[in-house]
Amino acid sequence: MKIARQAKNVSELLQLAKENGFEGTEAEYGGALCFITNDCNVSFCNFNNTEADNGGAIYLEGTNFNIEYCSFNNTEATSDGYGGAISVHGSNNLITNCDFNNTEGYNGGAIYVEGQNVNIDKSSFSNSGYSFLGLDQGDGGAIYYKGDHAKIYNCDFDNCYTGNNGGGIRLNGNDWRIINCTFTN
């Protein structure tokens, strides 16, 4: 990936991403970015036509991570992968003010979470889900959350689909809060 080779550290990589965006990248984990770290922010980035086995644009293992003001367009988790745009494995993470359009992943068409205390706020999801050979499959058309203490609020879900459970959201755990969200189609 051209941007990654030019960057000397994570901060410089994210600055380059803000200026140039990510277009047409692919990998096994995180089509554009793969983080195994704590205390990091991804802000004001665009991810277009990215794919990976897990985390079509971003794969994250860690805590205290913020993803904000980003757009994800035509991102995909391939091979029955998790998280068409983002795959999160950790706790105390925030995804806010993001737009997800035409994202696809077997579990979590846009976002897959396996962890605790992950908040998703003020984000929109459009045309998120999973289909294989024309058949809708998977769980959590937009979001699949496996863990406790989920807070999903002020989000819009439009035309999100799955063949199994949770066309918009699939929750598997305890202590969830879904507040002021809109679901259409």
N, C-alpha and C. Protein backbone atom coordinates (compact mmCIF):
# COMPACT_ATOMS: atom_id res chain seq x y z
N MET A 1 0.84 -1.17 0.00
CA MET A 1 0.00 0.00 0.00
C MET A 1 0.89 1.23 0.00
N LYS A 2 0.73 2.08 -0.94
CA LYS A 2 1.58 3.25 -1.11
C LYS A 2 1.63 4.14 0.13
N ILE A 3 0.48 4.42 0.72
CA ILE A 3 0.44 5.32 1.88
C ILE A 3 1.23 4.72 3.05
N ALA A 4 1.05 3.43 3.32
CA ALA A 4 1.73 2.80 4.45
C ALA A 4 3.25 2.84 4.29
N ARG A 5 3.75 2.66 3.08
CA ARG A 5 5.19 2.68 2.87
C ARG A 5 5.78 4.07 3.09
N GLN A 6 5.00 5.11 2.90
CA GLN A 6 5.50 6.47 3.08
C GLN A 6 5.50 6.90 4.54
N ALA A 7 4.71 6.25 5.36
CA ALA A 7 4.57 6.67 6.75
C ALA A 7 5.69 6.09 7.61
N LYS A 8 6.16 6.88 8.57
CA LYS A 8 7.21 6.44 9.49
C LYS A 8 6.64 5.94 10.81
N ASN A 9 5.39 6.35 11.14
CA ASN A 9 4.75 5.92 12.37
C ASN A 9 3.24 6.02 12.20
N VAL A 10 2.47 5.57 13.21
CA VAL A 10 1.02 5.55 13.13
C VAL A 10 0.45 6.95 12.94
N SER A 11 0.95 7.93 13.66
CA SER A 11 0.44 9.31 13.52
C SER A 11 0.63 9.83 12.10
N GLU A 12 1.80 9.56 11.53
CA GLU A 12 2.06 10.02 10.17
C GLU A 12 1.18 9.27 9.16
N LEU A 13 0.97 7.97 9.40
CA LEU A 13 0.09 7.18 8.54
C LEU A 13 -1.31 7.75 8.54
N LEU A 14 -1.84 8.06 9.72
CA LEU A 14 -3.19 8.60 9.80
C LEU A 14 -3.30 9.98 9.17
N GLN A 15 -2.27 10.79 9.27
CA GLN A 15 -2.27 12.09 8.60
C GLN A 15 -2.30 11.91 7.09
N LEU A 16 -1.50 10.98 6.57
CA LEU A 16 -1.52 10.70 5.13
C LEU A 16 -2.89 10.17 4.70
N ALA A 17 -3.51 9.35 5.55
CA ALA A 17 -4.83 8.81 5.23
C ALA A 17 -5.87 9.92 5.15
N LYS A 18 -5.79 10.90 6.06
CA LYS A 18 -6.71 12.03 6.03
C LYS A 18 -6.57 12.81 4.73
N GLU A 19 -5.34 12.97 4.28
CA GLU A 19 -5.08 13.76 3.08
C GLU A 19 -5.41 13.00 1.80
N ASN A 20 -5.18 11.67 1.79
CA ASN A 20 -5.30 10.89 0.56
C ASN A 20 -6.42 9.87 0.55
N GLY A 21 -6.88 9.43 1.72
CA GLY A 21 -7.88 8.38 1.81
C GLY A 21 -7.28 7.02 1.44
N PHE A 22 -8.12 6.00 1.52
CA PHE A 22 -7.71 4.65 1.15
C PHE A 22 -8.63 4.21 0.02
N GLU A 23 -8.09 3.76 -1.07
CA GLU A 23 -8.87 3.36 -2.24
C GLU A 23 -8.33 2.05 -2.77
N GLY A 24 -9.21 1.04 -2.90
CA GLY A 24 -8.84 -0.21 -3.55
C GLY A 24 -7.77 -1.02 -2.85
N THR A 25 -7.72 -0.98 -1.52
CA THR A 25 -6.71 -1.75 -0.79
C THR A 25 -7.32 -3.06 -0.31
N GLU A 26 -6.47 -4.07 -0.07
CA GLU A 26 -6.95 -5.35 0.46
C GLU A 26 -5.86 -6.03 1.27
N ALA A 27 -6.31 -6.88 2.20
CA ALA A 27 -5.39 -7.59 3.09
C ALA A 27 -6.14 -8.74 3.76
N GLU A 28 -5.44 -9.52 4.57
CA GLU A 28 -6.10 -10.58 5.32
C GLU A 28 -6.86 -9.99 6.51
N TYR A 29 -6.22 -9.07 7.25
CA TYR A 29 -6.85 -8.39 8.38
C TYR A 29 -6.77 -6.89 8.15
N GLY A 30 -7.92 -6.25 8.07
CA GLY A 30 -7.96 -4.80 7.86
C GLY A 30 -7.53 -4.43 6.45
N GLY A 31 -8.51 -4.26 5.58
CA GLY A 31 -8.21 -3.95 4.18
C GLY A 31 -7.35 -2.73 4.00
N ALA A 32 -7.46 -1.76 4.90
CA ALA A 32 -6.63 -0.55 4.84
C ALA A 32 -5.73 -0.43 6.07
N LEU A 33 -6.27 -0.71 7.26
CA LEU A 33 -5.52 -0.54 8.50
C LEU A 33 -5.71 -1.75 9.42
N CYS A 34 -4.64 -2.21 10.03
CA CYS A 34 -4.69 -3.27 11.03
C CYS A 34 -3.95 -2.77 12.26
N PHE A 35 -4.67 -2.66 13.39
CA PHE A 35 -4.07 -2.16 14.63
C PHE A 35 -4.13 -3.24 15.70
N ILE A 36 -3.00 -3.52 16.32
CA ILE A 36 -2.96 -4.32 17.53
C ILE A 36 -2.24 -3.43 18.54
N THR A 37 -3.04 -2.57 19.18
CA THR A 37 -2.48 -1.52 20.03
C THR A 37 -3.58 -0.95 20.92
N ASN A 38 -3.24 -0.02 21.75
CA ASN A 38 -4.18 0.69 22.61
C ASN A 38 -4.04 2.19 22.39
N ASP A 39 -5.07 2.92 22.80
CA ASP A 39 -5.03 4.38 22.83
C ASP A 39 -4.67 5.00 21.47
N CYS A 40 -5.57 4.84 20.52
CA CYS A 40 -5.32 5.36 19.18
C CYS A 40 -6.61 5.96 18.62
N ASN A 41 -6.48 6.93 17.72
CA ASN A 41 -7.62 7.57 17.07
C ASN A 41 -7.48 7.53 15.56
N VAL A 42 -8.57 7.23 14.87
CA VAL A 42 -8.66 7.35 13.42
C VAL A 42 -9.77 8.36 13.16
N SER A 43 -9.44 9.50 12.56
CA SER A 43 -10.42 10.57 12.35
C SER A 43 -10.35 11.10 10.94
N PHE A 44 -11.52 11.49 10.41
CA PHE A 44 -11.64 12.17 9.12
C PHE A 44 -10.97 11.41 7.97
N CYS A 45 -11.17 10.10 7.92
CA CYS A 45 -10.60 9.27 6.85
C CYS A 45 -11.71 8.72 5.96
N ASN A 46 -11.36 8.47 4.71
CA ASN A 46 -12.27 7.87 3.75
C ASN A 46 -11.72 6.52 3.31
N PHE A 47 -12.59 5.51 3.35
CA PHE A 47 -12.21 4.17 2.94
C PHE A 47 -13.15 3.75 1.81
N ASN A 48 -12.60 3.53 0.62
CA ASN A 48 -13.40 3.20 -0.55
C ASN A 48 -12.86 1.94 -1.22
N ASN A 49 -13.79 1.00 -1.48
CA ASN A 49 -13.44 -0.23 -2.22
C ASN A 49 -12.29 -1.00 -1.55
N THR A 50 -12.37 -1.17 -0.23
CA THR A 50 -11.36 -1.93 0.50
C THR A 50 -11.95 -3.29 0.87
N GLU A 51 -11.08 -4.29 1.03
CA GLU A 51 -11.56 -5.60 1.44
C GLU A 51 -10.48 -6.37 2.20
N ALA A 52 -10.96 -7.27 3.06
CA ALA A 52 -10.09 -8.15 3.84
C ALA A 52 -10.92 -9.34 4.29
N ASP A 53 -10.26 -10.38 4.74
CA ASP A 53 -11.00 -11.51 5.29
C ASP A 53 -11.80 -11.07 6.52
N ASN A 54 -11.21 -10.24 7.37
CA ASN A 54 -11.89 -9.69 8.54
C ASN A 54 -11.55 -8.20 8.65
N GLY A 55 -12.59 -7.38 8.82
CA GLY A 55 -12.39 -5.94 8.87
C GLY A 55 -12.09 -5.40 7.48
N GLY A 56 -13.12 -5.22 6.68
CA GLY A 56 -12.95 -4.79 5.29
C GLY A 56 -12.09 -3.56 5.13
N ALA A 57 -12.13 -2.64 6.09
CA ALA A 57 -11.29 -1.43 6.06
C ALA A 57 -10.34 -1.40 7.27
N ILE A 58 -10.88 -1.68 8.47
CA ILE A 58 -10.08 -1.58 9.70
C ILE A 58 -10.25 -2.85 10.54
N TYR A 59 -9.14 -3.40 11.00
CA TYR A 59 -9.13 -4.49 11.97
C TYR A 59 -8.44 -3.97 13.22
N LEU A 60 -9.08 -4.13 14.37
CA LEU A 60 -8.56 -3.57 15.62
C LEU A 60 -8.58 -4.60 16.73
N GLU A 61 -7.43 -4.78 17.39
CA GLU A 61 -7.34 -5.51 18.66
C GLU A 61 -6.75 -4.54 19.65
N GLY A 62 -7.56 -4.07 20.62
CA GLY A 62 -7.03 -3.15 21.61
C GLY A 62 -8.12 -2.43 22.37
N THR A 63 -7.71 -1.51 23.22
CA THR A 63 -8.62 -0.76 24.05
C THR A 63 -8.42 0.75 23.84
N ASN A 64 -9.42 1.51 24.26
CA ASN A 64 -9.37 2.97 24.21
C ASN A 64 -9.05 3.48 22.80
N PHE A 65 -9.83 3.02 21.85
CA PHE A 65 -9.63 3.35 20.45
C PHE A 65 -10.85 4.12 19.96
N ASN A 66 -10.64 5.22 19.23
CA ASN A 66 -11.74 6.01 18.68
C ASN A 66 -11.66 6.04 17.16
N ILE A 67 -12.78 5.78 16.52
CA ILE A 67 -12.92 5.94 15.07
C ILE A 67 -14.02 6.97 14.90
N GLU A 68 -13.68 8.14 14.30
CA GLU A 68 -14.67 9.21 14.23
C GLU A 68 -14.57 9.98 12.91
N TYR A 69 -15.74 10.44 12.46
CA TYR A 69 -15.85 11.25 11.24
C TYR A 69 -15.21 10.57 10.03
N CYS A 70 -15.46 9.27 9.87
CA CYS A 70 -14.92 8.52 8.74
C CYS A 70 -16.07 8.03 7.86
N SER A 71 -15.76 7.81 6.59
CA SER A 71 -16.75 7.22 5.70
C SER A 71 -16.19 5.93 5.12
N PHE A 72 -17.08 4.95 5.00
CA PHE A 72 -16.74 3.62 4.51
C PHE A 72 -17.69 3.32 3.36
N ASN A 73 -17.15 3.18 2.15
CA ASN A 73 -17.97 2.95 0.97
C ASN A 73 -17.46 1.73 0.21
N ASN A 74 -18.38 0.79 -0.05
CA ASN A 74 -18.05 -0.42 -0.80
C ASN A 74 -16.89 -1.19 -0.15
N THR A 75 -17.01 -1.43 1.15
CA THR A 75 -16.01 -2.21 1.88
C THR A 75 -16.56 -3.60 2.15
N GLU A 76 -15.67 -4.59 2.22
CA GLU A 76 -16.15 -5.97 2.32
C GLU A 76 -15.21 -6.85 3.14
N ALA A 77 -15.83 -7.67 4.01
CA ALA A 77 -15.11 -8.76 4.67
C ALA A 77 -15.40 -10.01 3.84
N THR A 78 -14.39 -10.56 3.22
CA THR A 78 -14.56 -11.67 2.29
C THR A 78 -14.50 -13.01 2.99
N SER A 79 -14.75 -14.08 2.28
CA SER A 79 -14.62 -15.45 2.80
C SER A 79 -15.40 -15.66 4.08
N ASP A 80 -16.66 -15.24 4.10
CA ASP A 80 -17.50 -15.34 5.30
C ASP A 80 -16.86 -14.62 6.48
N GLY A 81 -16.16 -13.54 6.22
CA GLY A 81 -15.45 -12.80 7.25
C GLY A 81 -16.36 -11.92 8.09
N TYR A 82 -15.76 -11.32 9.10
CA TYR A 82 -16.49 -10.51 10.07
C TYR A 82 -16.16 -9.03 9.89
N GLY A 83 -17.20 -8.20 9.94
CA GLY A 83 -17.03 -6.76 9.88
C GLY A 83 -16.70 -6.25 8.48
N GLY A 84 -17.75 -5.94 7.71
CA GLY A 84 -17.55 -5.47 6.35
C GLY A 84 -16.70 -4.22 6.27
N ALA A 85 -16.77 -3.36 7.27
CA ALA A 85 -15.94 -2.15 7.32
C ALA A 85 -14.95 -2.23 8.49
N ILE A 86 -15.45 -2.59 9.69
CA ILE A 86 -14.62 -2.58 10.90
C ILE A 86 -14.82 -3.87 11.68
N SER A 87 -13.72 -4.47 12.13
CA SER A 87 -13.76 -5.61 13.04
C SER A 87 -13.01 -5.21 14.30
N VAL A 88 -13.74 -5.18 15.44
CA VAL A 88 -13.18 -4.72 16.72
C VAL A 88 -13.09 -5.89 17.69
N HIS A 89 -11.92 -6.08 18.29
CA HIS A 89 -11.71 -7.09 19.31
C HIS A 89 -11.04 -6.39 20.49
N GLY A 90 -11.85 -5.96 21.45
CA GLY A 90 -11.31 -5.22 22.59
C GLY A 90 -12.40 -4.52 23.35
N SER A 91 -12.01 -3.60 24.20
CA SER A 91 -12.99 -2.92 25.05
C SER A 91 -12.72 -1.42 25.12
N ASN A 92 -13.74 -0.71 25.60
CA ASN A 92 -13.67 0.74 25.80
C ASN A 92 -13.33 1.47 24.50
N ASN A 93 -14.03 1.12 23.42
CA ASN A 93 -13.80 1.72 22.12
C ASN A 93 -15.03 2.51 21.68
N LEU A 94 -14.83 3.52 20.85
CA LEU A 94 -15.91 4.38 20.38
C LEU A 94 -15.86 4.52 18.87
N ILE A 95 -17.01 4.35 18.24
CA ILE A 95 -17.18 4.62 16.81
C ILE A 95 -18.27 5.68 16.73
N THR A 96 -17.94 6.88 16.22
CA THR A 96 -18.91 7.97 16.22
C THR A 96 -18.83 8.81 14.95
N ASN A 97 -19.99 9.32 14.55
CA ASN A 97 -20.09 10.22 13.39
C ASN A 97 -19.48 9.61 12.13
N CYS A 98 -19.78 8.36 11.87
CA CYS A 98 -19.28 7.67 10.69
C CYS A 98 -20.43 7.29 9.77
N ASP A 99 -20.13 7.19 8.47
CA ASP A 99 -21.10 6.77 7.47
C ASP A 99 -20.64 5.46 6.84
N PHE A 100 -21.55 4.49 6.78
CA PHE A 100 -21.27 3.18 6.22
C PHE A 100 -22.24 2.95 5.06
N ASN A 101 -21.71 2.82 3.85
CA ASN A 101 -22.54 2.65 2.65
C ASN A 101 -22.06 1.44 1.85
N ASN A 102 -22.99 0.54 1.54
CA ASN A 102 -22.66 -0.65 0.74
C ASN A 102 -21.52 -1.45 1.34
N THR A 103 -21.69 -1.84 2.59
CA THR A 103 -20.69 -2.65 3.28
C THR A 103 -21.21 -4.07 3.41
N GLU A 104 -20.29 -5.04 3.36
CA GLU A 104 -20.71 -6.43 3.37
C GLU A 104 -19.78 -7.30 4.21
N GLY A 105 -20.38 -8.08 5.12
CA GLY A 105 -19.63 -9.02 5.95
C GLY A 105 -20.58 -10.07 6.49
N TYR A 106 -20.13 -11.32 6.60
CA TYR A 106 -20.99 -12.42 7.03
C TYR A 106 -21.61 -12.14 8.40
N ASN A 107 -20.82 -11.79 9.38
CA ASN A 107 -21.33 -11.34 10.68
C ASN A 107 -20.91 -9.89 10.85
N GLY A 108 -21.90 -9.01 10.83
CA GLY A 108 -21.64 -7.58 10.89
C GLY A 108 -21.35 -7.03 9.51
N GLY A 109 -22.40 -6.70 8.77
CA GLY A 109 -22.21 -6.16 7.43
C GLY A 109 -21.33 -4.93 7.41
N ALA A 110 -21.42 -4.11 8.46
CA ALA A 110 -20.56 -2.93 8.59
C ALA A 110 -19.56 -3.10 9.73
N ILE A 111 -20.06 -3.48 10.94
CA ILE A 111 -19.21 -3.54 12.13
C ILE A 111 -19.41 -4.87 12.85
N TYR A 112 -18.29 -5.50 13.19
CA TYR A 112 -18.30 -6.68 14.05
C TYR A 112 -17.54 -6.30 15.32
N VAL A 113 -18.16 -6.57 16.48
CA VAL A 113 -17.52 -6.26 17.77
C VAL A 113 -17.48 -7.53 18.60
N GLU A 114 -16.31 -7.82 19.14
CA GLU A 114 -16.16 -8.88 20.14
C GLU A 114 -15.41 -8.24 21.30
N GLY A 115 -16.17 -7.79 22.31
CA GLY A 115 -15.55 -7.09 23.43
C GLY A 115 -16.58 -6.47 24.36
N GLN A 116 -16.13 -5.54 25.16
CA GLN A 116 -16.96 -4.91 26.18
C GLN A 116 -16.92 -3.39 26.02
N ASN A 117 -18.00 -2.73 26.41
CA ASN A 117 -18.04 -1.27 26.47
C ASN A 117 -17.62 -0.60 25.16
N VAL A 118 -18.20 -1.06 24.07
CA VAL A 118 -17.95 -0.42 22.78
C VAL A 118 -19.20 0.38 22.44
N ASN A 119 -19.02 1.68 22.23
CA ASN A 119 -20.14 2.57 21.92
C ASN A 119 -20.13 2.95 20.45
N ILE A 120 -21.32 2.94 19.86
CA ILE A 120 -21.50 3.35 18.47
C ILE A 120 -22.53 4.46 18.48
N ASP A 121 -22.15 5.64 18.00
CA ASP A 121 -22.97 6.83 18.16
C ASP A 121 -23.01 7.66 16.88
N LYS A 122 -24.15 8.28 16.60
CA LYS A 122 -24.31 9.27 15.53
C LYS A 122 -23.73 8.79 14.19
N SER A 123 -24.05 7.55 13.84
CA SER A 123 -23.54 6.98 12.60
C SER A 123 -24.70 6.50 11.74
N SER A 124 -24.47 6.42 10.44
CA SER A 124 -25.50 5.95 9.52
C SER A 124 -25.03 4.71 8.78
N PHE A 125 -25.98 3.81 8.54
CA PHE A 125 -25.71 2.53 7.88
C PHE A 125 -26.71 2.38 6.74
N SER A 126 -26.22 2.22 5.54
CA SER A 126 -27.09 2.08 4.38
C SER A 126 -26.61 0.92 3.51
N ASN A 127 -27.52 0.02 3.17
CA ASN A 127 -27.21 -1.13 2.31
C ASN A 127 -26.08 -1.98 2.88
N SER A 128 -26.22 -2.37 4.14
CA SER A 128 -25.23 -3.22 4.80
C SER A 128 -25.81 -4.61 5.03
N GLY A 129 -25.00 -5.63 4.81
CA GLY A 129 -25.45 -7.00 5.05
C GLY A 129 -24.51 -8.00 4.43
N TYR A 130 -25.08 -9.17 4.07
CA TYR A 130 -24.27 -10.21 3.45
C TYR A 130 -25.14 -11.02 2.52
N SER A 131 -24.65 -11.28 1.33
CA SER A 131 -25.35 -12.15 0.42
C SER A 131 -24.34 -13.00 -0.33
N PHE A 132 -24.68 -14.25 -0.54
CA PHE A 132 -23.81 -15.18 -1.25
C PHE A 132 -24.68 -15.94 -2.26
N LEU A 133 -24.29 -15.90 -3.50
CA LEU A 133 -25.05 -16.52 -4.58
C LEU A 133 -26.50 -16.06 -4.57
N GLY A 134 -26.68 -14.76 -4.26
CA GLY A 134 -28.01 -14.18 -4.25
C GLY A 134 -28.84 -14.48 -3.02
N LEU A 135 -28.29 -15.22 -2.06
CA LEU A 135 -29.01 -15.56 -0.84
C LEU A 135 -28.48 -14.72 0.32
N ASP A 136 -29.39 -14.07 1.03
CA ASP A 136 -28.98 -13.31 2.21
C ASP A 136 -28.64 -14.30 3.32
N GLN A 137 -27.46 -14.11 3.94
CA GLN A 137 -27.01 -15.02 4.98
C GLN A 137 -26.37 -14.21 6.09
N GLY A 138 -25.83 -14.87 7.11
CA GLY A 138 -25.10 -14.20 8.18
C GLY A 138 -26.00 -13.61 9.24
N ASP A 139 -25.38 -12.92 10.19
CA ASP A 139 -26.08 -12.27 11.31
C ASP A 139 -25.63 -10.83 11.42
N GLY A 140 -26.55 -9.97 11.83
CA GLY A 140 -26.22 -8.56 12.04
C GLY A 140 -25.96 -7.84 10.73
N GLY A 141 -27.02 -7.46 10.03
CA GLY A 141 -26.87 -6.80 8.73
C GLY A 141 -25.95 -5.60 8.78
N ALA A 142 -26.08 -4.77 9.80
CA ALA A 142 -25.18 -3.62 9.97
C ALA A 142 -24.17 -3.88 11.08
N ILE A 143 -24.64 -4.35 12.25
CA ILE A 143 -23.78 -4.53 13.41
C ILE A 143 -23.99 -5.90 14.04
N TYR A 144 -22.90 -6.61 14.32
CA TYR A 144 -22.93 -7.81 15.13
C TYR A 144 -22.09 -7.51 16.36
N TYR A 145 -22.72 -7.55 17.54
CA TYR A 145 -22.03 -7.21 18.79
C TYR A 145 -22.04 -8.44 19.68
N LYS A 146 -20.85 -8.98 19.97
CA LYS A 146 -20.70 -10.15 20.83
C LYS A 146 -19.94 -9.71 22.07
N GLY A 147 -20.69 -9.45 23.14
CA GLY A 147 -20.08 -8.99 24.38
C GLY A 147 -21.09 -8.23 25.21
N ASP A 148 -20.64 -7.65 26.28
CA ASP A 148 -21.52 -6.95 27.21
C ASP A 148 -21.35 -5.44 27.11
N HIS A 149 -22.36 -4.74 27.64
CA HIS A 149 -22.34 -3.29 27.80
C HIS A 149 -22.27 -2.55 26.46
N ALA A 150 -23.15 -2.92 25.54
CA ALA A 150 -23.23 -2.23 24.25
C ALA A 150 -24.10 -0.99 24.37
N LYS A 151 -23.64 0.09 23.76
CA LYS A 151 -24.45 1.31 23.67
C LYS A 151 -24.44 1.75 22.21
N ILE A 152 -25.62 1.70 21.61
CA ILE A 152 -25.79 2.13 20.23
C ILE A 152 -26.87 3.20 20.25
N TYR A 153 -26.49 4.43 19.89
CA TYR A 153 -27.47 5.50 20.00
C TYR A 153 -27.31 6.54 18.89
N ASN A 154 -28.46 7.16 18.58
CA ASN A 154 -28.53 8.21 17.55
C ASN A 154 -28.01 7.73 16.20
N CYS A 155 -28.34 6.50 15.82
CA CYS A 155 -27.89 5.94 14.54
C CYS A 155 -29.08 5.71 13.62
N ASP A 156 -28.81 5.76 12.32
CA ASP A 156 -29.82 5.49 11.30
C ASP A 156 -29.43 4.24 10.52
N PHE A 157 -30.40 3.34 10.35
CA PHE A 157 -30.19 2.10 9.62
C PHE A 157 -31.19 2.06 8.46
N ASP A 158 -30.70 1.98 7.23
CA ASP A 158 -31.57 1.95 6.06
C ASP A 158 -31.17 0.79 5.15
N ASN A 159 -32.14 -0.06 4.86
CA ASN A 159 -31.94 -1.18 3.94
C ASN A 159 -30.78 -2.09 4.36
N CYS A 160 -30.75 -2.42 5.65
CA CYS A 160 -29.77 -3.38 6.16
C CYS A 160 -30.44 -4.76 6.19
N TYR A 161 -29.69 -5.81 5.87
CA TYR A 161 -30.31 -7.11 5.66
C TYR A 161 -29.40 -8.24 6.12
N THR A 162 -30.03 -9.37 6.43
CA THR A 162 -29.31 -10.60 6.75
C THR A 162 -30.26 -11.76 6.55
N GLY A 163 -29.74 -12.93 6.32
CA GLY A 163 -30.58 -14.10 6.15
C GLY A 163 -30.93 -14.78 7.45
N ASN A 164 -30.23 -14.44 8.52
CA ASN A 164 -30.46 -15.10 9.79
C ASN A 164 -31.03 -14.13 10.83
N ASN A 165 -30.22 -13.64 11.73
CA ASN A 165 -30.72 -12.85 12.87
C ASN A 165 -30.23 -11.41 12.84
N GLY A 166 -31.14 -10.48 13.05
CA GLY A 166 -30.80 -9.08 13.19
C GLY A 166 -30.48 -8.38 11.88
N GLY A 167 -31.51 -8.02 11.13
CA GLY A 167 -31.30 -7.30 9.88
C GLY A 167 -30.51 -6.02 10.07
N GLY A 168 -30.75 -5.33 11.18
CA GLY A 168 -29.98 -4.12 11.51
C GLY A 168 -28.87 -4.42 12.50
N ILE A 169 -29.25 -5.03 13.63
CA ILE A 169 -28.29 -5.28 14.72
C ILE A 169 -28.51 -6.68 15.29
N ARG A 170 -27.44 -7.40 15.52
CA ARG A 170 -27.48 -8.69 16.23
C ARG A 170 -26.65 -8.53 17.48
N LEU A 171 -27.30 -8.70 18.65
CA LEU A 171 -26.61 -8.57 19.94
C LEU A 171 -26.52 -9.92 20.61
N ASN A 172 -25.35 -10.24 21.16
CA ASN A 172 -25.12 -11.50 21.83
C ASN A 172 -24.32 -11.21 23.10
N GLY A 173 -25.01 -11.02 24.22
CA GLY A 173 -24.36 -10.69 25.49
C GLY A 173 -25.35 -10.09 26.45
N ASN A 174 -24.90 -9.23 27.34
CA ASN A 174 -25.76 -8.63 28.36
C ASN A 174 -25.58 -7.12 28.42
N ASP A 175 -26.59 -6.45 28.96
CA ASP A 175 -26.57 -5.02 29.24
C ASP A 175 -26.36 -4.17 27.98
N TRP A 176 -27.37 -4.16 27.13
CA TRP A 176 -27.34 -3.39 25.89
C TRP A 176 -28.25 -2.19 26.01
N ARG A 177 -27.90 -1.14 25.32
CA ARG A 177 -28.76 0.04 25.23
C ARG A 177 -28.78 0.50 23.77
N ILE A 178 -29.98 0.52 23.22
CA ILE A 178 -30.17 1.06 21.87
C ILE A 178 -31.14 2.22 22.04
N ILE A 179 -30.64 3.45 21.79
CA ILE A 179 -31.41 4.65 22.10
C ILE A 179 -31.47 5.55 20.88
N ASN A 180 -32.67 6.03 20.58
CA ASN A 180 -32.90 7.04 19.54
C ASN A 180 -32.34 6.63 18.18
N CYS A 181 -32.55 5.38 17.79
CA CYS A 181 -32.10 4.89 16.48
C CYS A 181 -33.30 4.74 15.56
N THR A 182 -33.07 4.88 14.26
CA THR A 182 -34.12 4.76 13.25
C THR A 182 -33.80 3.60 12.32
N PHE A 183 -34.80 2.75 12.07
CA PHE A 183 -34.64 1.60 11.18
C PHE A 183 -35.68 1.70 10.05
N THR A 184 -35.23 1.70 8.80
CA THR A 184 -36.14 1.72 7.66
C THR A 184 -35.76 0.63 6.66
N ASN A 185 -36.76 0.14 5.96
CA ASN A 185 -36.61 -0.93 4.96
C ASN A 185 -35.96 -2.15 5.56
